[in-house]
Structures are given as structure tokens and as C-alpha cells.
Amino acid sequence: MIGDRRAAEEVASKIRAKLELGEFSFQERKEASEATFGEYADKWIATTAPALCKESTVMSYKDLLRLHVLPVFGNLKLSEINRGKVKDFLAARILEGYAQNTVRHMRDVISNVLNKAVDDEVISTNVSLKVKITKKIRNGDTNEGGNGEVMDPLSAEEAVLLLDTVRKDVSKPYPLSDHYALFLLLLRTGMRIGEALALEWGDIDFNGRFVHVQRGLSRKKIETPKTGKTRRIDMTPHLAETLTAHKIECKKRALAMGLREVPELVFTNSAGGFIDVDNWRRRVFNRALRKAGLRKIRIHDLRHTYATLRIAKGDNIADVAGQLGHADATMTLKIYYHWLPGGKKAEVDALDNLGTQKQKEKKVKSER
């Protein structure tokens, strides 16, 4: 409250200064008091957002504004928006079943627009800054990542089953076996699907057995990886062999199509272009899960599967973090703590022995 009052006094002081200098016109006062959220959303998305965010992020913000935020806040005056309205809006989205991370992005959009209005001294404070998002707990939602997303990684047995199912399926006209290399890459490297679909043959070092992740595919456009940094990921021998065989098949396909060279992309659609991830999810990924008799998960859960399987078998956390492209091992620990190996039960069971141990120590002392 004190901070808000101080901020309001600062704004009022600046307005008084403008009035004294004759720089604050009646029109400016009217605009300041009548400006709507929608008007400032247009200003922010047209100027500030493109200067600070990737194009794909700006497109996501536009969609969130159009589909969710503007229908509720668009016609409201900025002065009419308070913390309660923002909190109610976000809570309603959670109840409607939207993922916590998606709702967080909605809040970020609202906050960015209000920040623009604060910077322009139209409002004194951003009421959305301290609004927390409370997650609706659903049955089975126990594996929560560091950003609040619910993870559903496959077990080692399930991962093997999925790969076997894909490898053995040769049903026409769309055999799953054609996609075995992509499934294996995702499960053996933890790459994001956008990174895998943007992978080029020049990114793969078959002698050194590593993949150099340099770009990602997002909304059919190539961008830098999500973290903005490139990284190297080690390949298992089986993955290297599989990609080698996949490259040979790509050469055969290119020759059959009358192409002189193999496309640079490792994974392509039938025309040699980028694979549409939504189409691949629907026609390939979900079909593979059904055929294997597995529950429905997200493609991103294959990345979580890679991480949890490595952590569960005791691999070095720092190495796993580096392969995933995390900033440091602390982030990896925060997300995957539940899969750390160790005698958690043994450590807890040891509580039953505390009294016994004390008695033994006393007995030893008394005998001395």
C-alpha cells in the first residue's frame, strides 16, 4: 500500500510539473483517464513486444490477447482493472482446464500491457505483478516440473515398448517405421521437437558421435534454440547407426524423386520440406501411442523421459543439465528431484533405528 501510494504521488507530481510548464494539455488528461486496456495492448504488441521478443513469441502473445485477454479486458479502462479482476480471470482459466504454464503466459501478457501504461504514466502501478496462479489439482498430477507443468515421462519399459512398436510397424500407406529415427533421437537425446525438426545433416558428427543443436523450428520458422545458446548432445552407438541408415534411405528417396542432392534437413515431409509438428503429433505420435497400448502423453514428455531415465540410473546431474541445455544443474534438480536415485526409503526407515542406536551407545559406555 505504501509503495502504491508513493508511486501515485510521483505520477501526480509529474503531472503537476507538466501543468505548471503548460506541457500537459486537456487532451492528454482525457487520454490518460479514458485509455482502455485494448488500446494499450495494441501499442505494446506493435512496438515494445517485437523489440524484446522473438517473432514466434510475439505471435503467441497475439493469440493469447485475441482469444483470451481482450474479450475480458479489452474495453475496460486501465483505471478500472484491479488485482481482483486479474486474479478472477486467471482462476477461471485454470478451472476451464488450461495448463498452468499457459495461464502464466496470459498473466505475462496482461502484465506487459500494464507495464507499458505505467511507463507512459497513465496508471501508477501494475496491479498484476503480485497475482499468484493457484493450480487446480487433478488426479494423477503429481509430477510437477519447475515451471508448474505436469510431466508424464515414460518408464524404461514403456520407452522400449514404444520404440519397438514404431520400428516394427510397416503398415501401408503410412508405416510408423519411417519415423523410427525421429522417435529414437527424441528419446536418446532429450532434444525438443522443434530442435529435432530443424536438425540438418551438417549438425551431426558421426565420428565424434554428437549432435550440434544450433536452431529450432517454431511456427514454421527457424529460430535460435529456446535458451538462445547452442549445445552439443552425445549420441549413443545405436542412435548413430540408426541415423546413418536413415541418411542412406533419404538418399534413395531423393534419387527416386529426381533430386540431385539429399535435402539438408534430417527429417522432412514427403515434399522435402519441414514437418508440420501438429500433423505429426496427430497422425504419427498419437497413433504410435495407441498402437503400443500406452496412455496419451505429449511429445515433450519424451524429453522428460530422457532426463528421468538418466537421473534415475545415477548419471551426473551436471552432464544431464548440459545435454538438456539447462542453465545449470540447479534447474535440473528442481525439475527432476523426484527421480533422483538413492535410498529415500532406507533413509526414512533409519528413523526406526535411532532409539536402538542410542541404547547401544549407552550400553557400550556402561560396560567401560
Protein backbone atom coordinates (compact mmCIF):
# COMPACT_ATOMS: atom_id res chain seq x y z
CA MET A 1 0.00 0.00 0.00
CA ILE A 2 2.81 2.44 0.92
CA GLY A 3 4.62 1.66 -2.31
CA ASP A 4 1.48 2.18 -4.39
CA ARG A 5 0.77 5.48 -2.65
CA ARG A 6 4.33 6.66 -3.21
CA ALA A 7 4.13 5.71 -6.90
CA ALA A 8 0.83 7.53 -7.27
CA GLU A 9 2.28 10.63 -5.63
CA GLU A 10 5.24 10.54 -8.04
CA VAL A 11 2.90 10.39 -11.04
CA ALA A 12 0.78 13.22 -9.62
CA SER A 13 3.92 15.28 -9.06
CA LYS A 14 5.00 14.81 -12.68
CA ILE A 15 1.54 15.80 -13.92
CA ARG A 16 1.58 18.93 -11.74
CA ALA A 17 5.00 19.83 -13.15
CA LYS A 18 3.66 19.46 -16.68
CA LEU A 19 0.67 21.63 -15.83
CA GLU A 20 2.93 24.34 -14.43
CA LEU A 21 5.05 24.27 -17.59
CA GLY A 22 1.99 24.17 -19.79
CA GLU A 23 3.07 20.84 -21.26
CA PHE A 24 0.10 18.77 -20.10
CA SER A 25 -2.87 19.54 -22.30
CA PHE A 26 -6.54 18.83 -21.74
CA GLN A 27 -6.32 16.22 -24.47
CA GLU A 28 -3.53 14.41 -22.59
CA ARG A 29 -5.58 14.42 -19.39
CA LYS A 30 -8.55 13.00 -21.26
CA GLU A 31 -6.44 10.30 -22.93
CA ALA A 32 -4.85 9.36 -19.62
CA SER A 33 -8.18 8.90 -17.90
CA GLU A 34 -10.06 7.28 -20.79
CA ALA A 35 -7.43 4.91 -22.21
CA THR A 36 -8.60 1.30 -22.43
CA PHE A 37 -6.64 -1.89 -21.98
CA GLY A 38 -7.27 -2.78 -25.62
CA GLU A 39 -5.72 0.47 -26.84
CA TYR A 40 -2.58 -0.12 -24.82
CA ALA A 41 -2.46 -3.76 -25.86
CA ASP A 42 -2.32 -2.58 -29.48
CA LYS A 43 0.54 -0.18 -28.65
CA TRP A 44 2.51 -2.80 -26.74
CA ILE A 45 2.15 -5.58 -29.33
CA ALA A 46 3.06 -3.18 -32.17
CA THR A 47 6.14 -1.59 -30.59
CA THR A 48 7.54 -2.99 -27.35
CA ALA A 49 6.95 -6.71 -27.86
CA PRO A 50 8.69 -7.00 -31.27
CA ALA A 51 11.71 -5.16 -29.89
CA LEU A 52 12.14 -7.55 -26.95
CA CYS A 53 10.77 -10.92 -28.06
CA LYS A 54 11.25 -13.47 -30.82
CA GLU A 55 8.74 -13.35 -33.65
CA SER A 56 7.21 -16.67 -32.57
CA THR A 57 6.74 -15.32 -29.03
CA VAL A 58 5.04 -12.19 -30.37
CA MET A 59 2.69 -14.40 -32.39
CA SER A 60 1.86 -16.41 -29.26
CA TYR A 61 1.14 -13.19 -27.37
CA LYS A 62 -1.14 -12.00 -30.17
CA ASP A 63 -3.09 -15.25 -29.98
CA LEU A 64 -3.42 -15.03 -26.20
CA LEU A 65 -4.65 -11.44 -26.47
CA ARG A 66 -7.15 -12.19 -29.22
CA LEU A 67 -8.54 -15.42 -27.81
CA HIS A 68 -8.45 -14.85 -24.06
CA VAL A 69 -7.38 -11.48 -22.69
CA LEU A 70 -9.06 -8.86 -24.89
CA PRO A 71 -12.56 -10.42 -24.73
CA VAL A 72 -12.43 -9.80 -20.96
CA PHE A 73 -10.26 -6.70 -20.54
CA GLY A 74 -10.23 -5.06 -23.97
CA ASN A 75 -12.98 -2.50 -23.37
CA LEU A 76 -12.11 -1.78 -19.73
CA LYS A 77 -10.42 1.49 -18.87
CA LEU A 78 -6.96 0.91 -17.45
CA SER A 79 -8.07 2.57 -14.23
CA GLU A 80 -10.89 0.02 -13.90
CA ILE A 81 -8.57 -3.00 -13.82
CA ASN A 82 -7.66 -4.11 -10.33
CA ARG A 83 -5.88 -7.05 -8.76
CA GLY A 84 -9.13 -8.88 -8.04
CA LYS A 85 -10.26 -8.81 -11.68
CA VAL A 86 -6.91 -10.16 -12.86
CA LYS A 87 -6.95 -12.89 -10.22
CA ASP A 88 -10.53 -13.91 -11.08
CA PHE A 89 -9.67 -14.06 -14.77
CA LEU A 90 -6.68 -16.34 -14.20
CA ALA A 91 -8.58 -18.56 -11.77
CA ALA A 92 -11.36 -19.00 -14.35
CA ARG A 93 -8.83 -20.14 -16.96
CA ILE A 94 -7.45 -22.73 -14.54
CA LEU A 95 -10.96 -24.03 -13.86
CA GLU A 96 -11.55 -24.27 -17.61
CA GLY A 97 -8.67 -26.72 -17.78
CA TYR A 98 -5.89 -24.61 -19.27
CA ALA A 99 -2.35 -25.67 -18.32
CA GLN A 100 -0.74 -23.65 -15.55
CA ASN A 101 2.05 -22.57 -17.85
CA THR A 102 -0.47 -21.29 -20.43
CA VAL A 103 -2.27 -19.30 -17.74
CA ARG A 104 1.06 -17.90 -16.62
CA HIS A 105 1.65 -16.64 -20.17
CA MET A 106 -1.79 -14.97 -20.06
CA ARG A 107 -0.75 -13.18 -16.89
CA ASP A 108 2.53 -12.13 -18.52
CA VAL A 109 0.62 -10.59 -21.42
CA ILE A 110 -1.60 -8.61 -19.06
CA SER A 111 1.41 -7.52 -17.02
CA ASN A 112 3.37 -6.37 -20.06
CA VAL A 113 0.49 -4.24 -21.31
CA LEU A 114 0.04 -2.67 -17.87
CA ASN A 115 3.79 -2.04 -17.64
CA LYS A 116 3.53 -0.08 -20.88
CA ALA A 117 0.81 2.07 -19.32
CA VAL A 118 2.92 2.59 -16.18
CA ASP A 119 5.89 3.65 -18.30
CA ASP A 120 3.66 6.17 -20.08
CA GLU A 121 2.47 7.43 -16.66
CA VAL A 122 -1.16 6.65 -17.46
CA ILE A 123 -1.53 4.44 -14.38
CA SER A 124 0.58 4.45 -11.23
CA THR A 125 1.08 0.74 -10.66
CA ASN A 126 0.86 -2.65 -12.35
CA VAL A 127 -1.83 -4.50 -10.38
CA SER A 128 -0.98 -7.89 -11.89
CA LEU A 129 2.58 -8.15 -10.57
CA LYS A 130 1.80 -9.97 -7.33
CA VAL A 131 -1.07 -12.10 -8.57
CA LYS A 132 -0.24 -15.76 -7.99
CA ILE A 133 -1.59 -18.64 -10.04
CA THR A 134 -3.06 -21.47 -7.99
CA LYS A 135 -3.01 -24.76 -9.81
CA LYS A 136 -6.08 -26.94 -9.83
CA ILE A 137 -5.01 -30.38 -8.67
CA ARG A 138 -6.24 -33.21 -10.85
CA ASN A 139 -5.99 -36.94 -10.31
CA GLY A 140 -2.54 -38.13 -11.23
CA ASP A 141 -0.99 -34.66 -11.39
CA THR A 142 1.90 -35.45 -9.08
CA ASN A 143 4.96 -34.98 -11.28
CA GLU A 144 5.28 -31.23 -11.47
CA GLY A 145 8.19 -29.55 -13.20
CA GLY A 146 9.97 -26.37 -12.26
CA ASN A 147 7.60 -24.18 -14.28
CA GLY A 148 4.48 -25.85 -12.93
CA GLU A 149 3.87 -28.09 -15.91
CA VAL A 150 2.69 -31.61 -15.20
CA MET A 151 5.17 -34.15 -16.52
CA ASP A 152 4.29 -37.66 -17.59
CA PRO A 153 7.52 -39.38 -18.62
CA LEU A 154 7.59 -42.96 -19.81
CA SER A 155 9.23 -45.68 -17.76
CA ALA A 156 12.20 -47.54 -19.25
CA GLU A 157 9.91 -50.44 -20.18
CA GLU A 158 7.35 -48.13 -21.78
CA ALA A 159 10.04 -46.34 -23.78
CA VAL A 160 11.33 -49.67 -25.12
CA LEU A 161 7.76 -50.73 -25.97
CA LEU A 162 7.13 -47.51 -27.87
CA LEU A 163 10.33 -47.81 -29.88
CA ASP A 164 9.69 -51.49 -30.67
CA THR A 165 6.15 -50.68 -31.80
CA VAL A 166 7.33 -47.92 -34.12
CA ARG A 167 10.22 -49.95 -35.52
CA LYS A 168 8.08 -52.99 -36.32
CA ASP A 169 5.09 -51.17 -37.84
CA VAL A 170 5.33 -51.32 -41.65
CA SER A 171 1.62 -50.91 -42.35
CA LYS A 172 0.86 -49.07 -45.57
CA PRO A 173 0.44 -46.34 -46.67
CA TYR A 174 1.98 -44.61 -43.64
CA PRO A 175 4.27 -47.01 -41.74
CA LEU A 176 5.39 -45.85 -38.34
CA SER A 177 8.79 -47.39 -39.04
CA ASP A 178 9.54 -44.44 -41.35
CA HIS A 179 9.65 -42.30 -38.19
CA TYR A 180 11.74 -44.61 -36.00
CA ALA A 181 14.86 -42.42 -36.30
CA LEU A 182 12.98 -39.36 -35.06
CA PHE A 183 11.45 -41.23 -32.10
CA LEU A 184 14.85 -42.63 -31.18
CA LEU A 185 16.51 -39.21 -31.46
CA LEU A 186 13.99 -37.66 -29.09
CA LEU A 187 14.31 -40.45 -26.54
CA ARG A 188 18.12 -40.73 -26.72
CA THR A 189 18.99 -37.02 -26.68
CA GLY A 190 16.17 -35.19 -24.91
CA MET A 191 16.01 -32.69 -27.78
CA ARG A 192 12.90 -30.55 -28.10
CA ILE A 193 10.71 -31.48 -31.07
CA GLY A 194 11.37 -28.09 -32.69
CA GLU A 195 15.12 -28.66 -32.40
CA ALA A 196 14.81 -32.13 -33.93
CA LEU A 197 12.71 -30.94 -36.86
CA ALA A 198 15.22 -28.16 -37.61
CA LEU A 199 18.21 -30.53 -37.47
CA GLU A 200 20.43 -30.61 -40.55
CA TRP A 201 22.90 -33.29 -41.62
CA GLY A 202 25.75 -30.84 -41.11
CA ASP A 203 24.82 -30.68 -37.42
CA ILE A 204 25.65 -34.37 -36.90
CA ASP A 205 29.21 -35.51 -36.26
CA PHE A 206 29.16 -39.26 -36.85
CA ASN A 207 32.85 -39.66 -36.00
CA GLY A 208 32.65 -37.78 -32.72
CA ARG A 209 29.14 -39.16 -32.11
CA PHE A 210 27.43 -35.94 -31.15
CA VAL A 211 24.67 -33.64 -32.38
CA HIS A 212 25.23 -29.89 -32.52
CA VAL A 213 21.92 -28.19 -31.66
CA GLN A 214 22.01 -24.77 -33.32
CA ARG A 215 18.42 -23.92 -34.18
CA GLY A 216 14.79 -24.74 -33.58
CA LEU A 217 11.60 -24.78 -35.64
CA SER A 218 8.77 -22.70 -34.22
CA ARG A 219 5.59 -21.82 -36.09
CA LYS A 220 7.22 -22.98 -39.33
CA LYS A 221 10.11 -20.56 -38.86
CA ILE A 222 13.73 -21.22 -37.91
CA GLU A 223 15.00 -19.55 -34.74
CA THR A 224 17.82 -19.96 -32.25
CA PRO A 225 17.30 -22.68 -29.62
CA LYS A 226 14.88 -21.82 -26.82
CA THR A 227 17.67 -20.76 -24.46
CA GLY A 228 19.37 -18.76 -27.19
CA LYS A 229 22.51 -20.91 -26.85
CA THR A 230 23.80 -23.79 -28.96
CA ARG A 231 24.86 -27.06 -27.34
CA ARG A 232 26.31 -30.47 -28.11
CA ILE A 233 24.50 -33.69 -27.26
CA ASP A 234 26.18 -37.07 -27.21
CA MET A 235 24.78 -39.84 -29.43
CA THR A 236 24.55 -43.46 -28.38
CA PRO A 237 26.04 -46.01 -30.80
CA HIS A 238 22.57 -47.26 -31.74
CA LEU A 239 21.36 -43.73 -32.48
CA ALA A 240 24.42 -43.07 -34.66
CA GLU A 241 23.80 -46.29 -36.57
CA THR A 242 20.11 -45.50 -36.97
CA LEU A 243 20.77 -42.00 -38.30
CA THR A 244 23.36 -43.38 -40.70
CA ALA A 245 20.80 -45.83 -42.07
CA HIS A 246 18.23 -43.03 -42.20
CA LYS A 247 20.60 -40.90 -44.28
CA ILE A 248 21.00 -43.74 -46.78
CA GLU A 249 17.21 -44.00 -47.08
CA CYS A 250 17.00 -40.25 -47.61
CA LYS A 251 19.49 -40.53 -50.48
CA LYS A 252 17.42 -43.29 -52.09
CA ARG A 253 14.27 -41.21 -51.73
CA ALA A 254 15.97 -38.15 -53.21
CA LEU A 255 17.12 -40.15 -56.23
CA ALA A 256 13.62 -41.57 -56.72
CA MET A 257 12.25 -38.02 -56.69
CA GLY A 258 14.83 -36.92 -59.26
CA LEU A 259 16.73 -34.70 -56.83
CA ARG A 260 20.45 -34.22 -57.29
CA GLU A 261 21.18 -33.77 -53.61
CA VAL A 262 19.77 -35.01 -50.33
CA PRO A 263 17.78 -32.27 -48.51
CA GLU A 264 19.76 -30.58 -45.74
CA LEU A 265 17.03 -31.39 -43.23
CA VAL A 266 17.37 -34.72 -41.44
CA PHE A 267 13.61 -35.15 -41.13
CA THR A 268 11.31 -33.92 -43.88
CA ASN A 269 7.77 -34.27 -45.15
CA SER A 270 7.03 -36.05 -48.42
CA ALA A 271 7.92 -32.91 -50.38
CA GLY A 272 11.29 -32.48 -48.70
CA GLY A 273 10.19 -29.56 -46.51
CA PHE A 274 9.63 -29.03 -42.81
CA ILE A 275 7.41 -31.50 -40.97
CA ASP A 276 4.30 -29.88 -39.52
CA VAL A 277 4.50 -30.73 -35.82
CA ASP A 278 0.74 -30.66 -35.25
CA ASN A 279 0.18 -33.01 -38.16
CA TRP A 280 2.98 -35.30 -36.94
CA ARG A 281 1.54 -35.36 -33.46
CA ARG A 282 -1.90 -36.32 -34.71
CA ARG A 283 -1.02 -38.77 -37.49
CA VAL A 284 2.17 -40.35 -36.15
CA PHE A 285 2.88 -39.74 -32.47
CA ASN A 286 -0.61 -40.34 -31.09
CA ARG A 287 -1.07 -43.34 -33.39
CA ALA A 288 2.16 -44.86 -32.11
CA LEU A 289 0.98 -44.45 -28.50
CA ARG A 290 -2.35 -46.12 -29.28
CA LYS A 291 -0.71 -48.98 -31.17
CA ALA A 292 1.70 -49.56 -28.27
CA GLY A 293 -1.21 -49.52 -25.79
CA LEU A 294 0.26 -46.56 -23.92
CA ARG A 295 -1.53 -43.65 -22.32
CA LYS A 296 -1.70 -40.35 -24.19
CA ILE A 297 1.27 -38.12 -23.40
CA ARG A 298 2.79 -35.03 -25.01
CA ILE A 299 5.73 -35.12 -27.39
CA HIS A 300 7.60 -33.01 -24.82
CA ASP A 301 7.26 -35.88 -22.35
CA LEU A 302 9.83 -37.78 -24.43
CA ARG A 303 12.32 -35.09 -23.37
CA HIS A 304 11.27 -35.66 -19.75
CA THR A 305 11.66 -39.40 -20.31
CA TYR A 306 15.27 -38.94 -21.40
CA ALA A 307 16.01 -36.81 -18.34
CA THR A 308 14.28 -39.01 -15.77
CA LEU A 309 15.80 -42.24 -17.10
CA ARG A 310 19.31 -40.79 -16.93
CA ILE A 311 18.82 -39.26 -13.49
CA ALA A 312 17.19 -42.42 -12.11
CA LYS A 313 20.20 -44.52 -13.05
CA GLY A 314 22.56 -42.15 -11.27
CA ASP A 315 24.09 -40.18 -14.15
CA ASN A 316 25.94 -36.97 -13.38
CA ILE A 317 23.39 -34.17 -12.92
CA ALA A 318 25.67 -31.54 -14.44
CA ASP A 319 26.07 -33.62 -17.59
CA VAL A 320 22.32 -34.19 -17.89
CA ALA A 321 21.76 -30.45 -17.44
CA GLY A 322 24.25 -29.65 -20.18
CA GLN A 323 22.74 -32.15 -22.60
CA LEU A 324 19.26 -30.71 -21.98
CA GLY A 325 20.52 -27.15 -22.40
CA HIS A 326 19.62 -26.03 -18.89
CA ALA A 327 21.41 -23.01 -17.49
CA ASP A 328 22.81 -25.04 -14.60
CA ALA A 329 22.32 -28.24 -12.63
CA THR A 330 20.19 -26.43 -10.05
CA MET A 331 17.40 -26.03 -12.58
CA THR A 332 17.63 -29.72 -13.50
CA LEU A 333 17.48 -30.74 -9.84
CA LYS A 334 14.46 -28.54 -9.25
CA ILE A 335 12.55 -30.13 -12.12
CA TYR A 336 13.59 -33.76 -11.69
CA TYR A 337 14.19 -34.10 -7.96
CA HIS A 338 11.64 -36.89 -7.59
CA TRP A 339 13.63 -39.15 -9.91
CA LEU A 340 16.93 -38.87 -8.06
CA PRO A 341 18.31 -42.29 -7.12
CA GLY A 342 19.16 -43.09 -3.55
CA GLY A 343 17.73 -44.85 -0.56
CA LYS A 344 14.90 -42.49 0.24
CA LYS A 345 13.04 -45.34 1.93
CA ALA A 346 16.22 -46.53 3.60
CA GLU A 347 16.86 -43.03 4.91
CA VAL A 348 13.35 -42.84 6.33
CA ASP A 349 13.49 -46.42 7.67
CA ALA A 350 16.59 -45.45 9.60
CA LEU A 351 14.38 -43.37 11.90
CA ASP A 352 13.16 -46.62 13.48
CA ASN A 353 16.71 -47.42 14.49
CA LEU A 354 17.53 -44.13 16.20
CA GLY A 355 16.40 -45.30 19.63
CA THR A 356 18.13 -48.63 19.25
CA GLN A 357 21.38 -46.93 18.30
CA LYS A 358 21.24 -44.68 21.37
CA GLN A 359 20.69 -47.70 23.61
CA LYS A 360 23.69 -49.47 22.08
CA GLU A 361 25.87 -46.41 22.70
CA LYS A 362 24.75 -46.25 26.35
CA LYS A 363 25.42 -49.95 26.82
CA VAL A 364 28.96 -49.60 25.43
CA LYS A 365 29.68 -46.69 27.80
CA SER A 366 28.32 -48.55 30.84
CA GLU A 367 30.42 -51.62 30.08
CA ARG A 368 33.51 -49.45 30.00
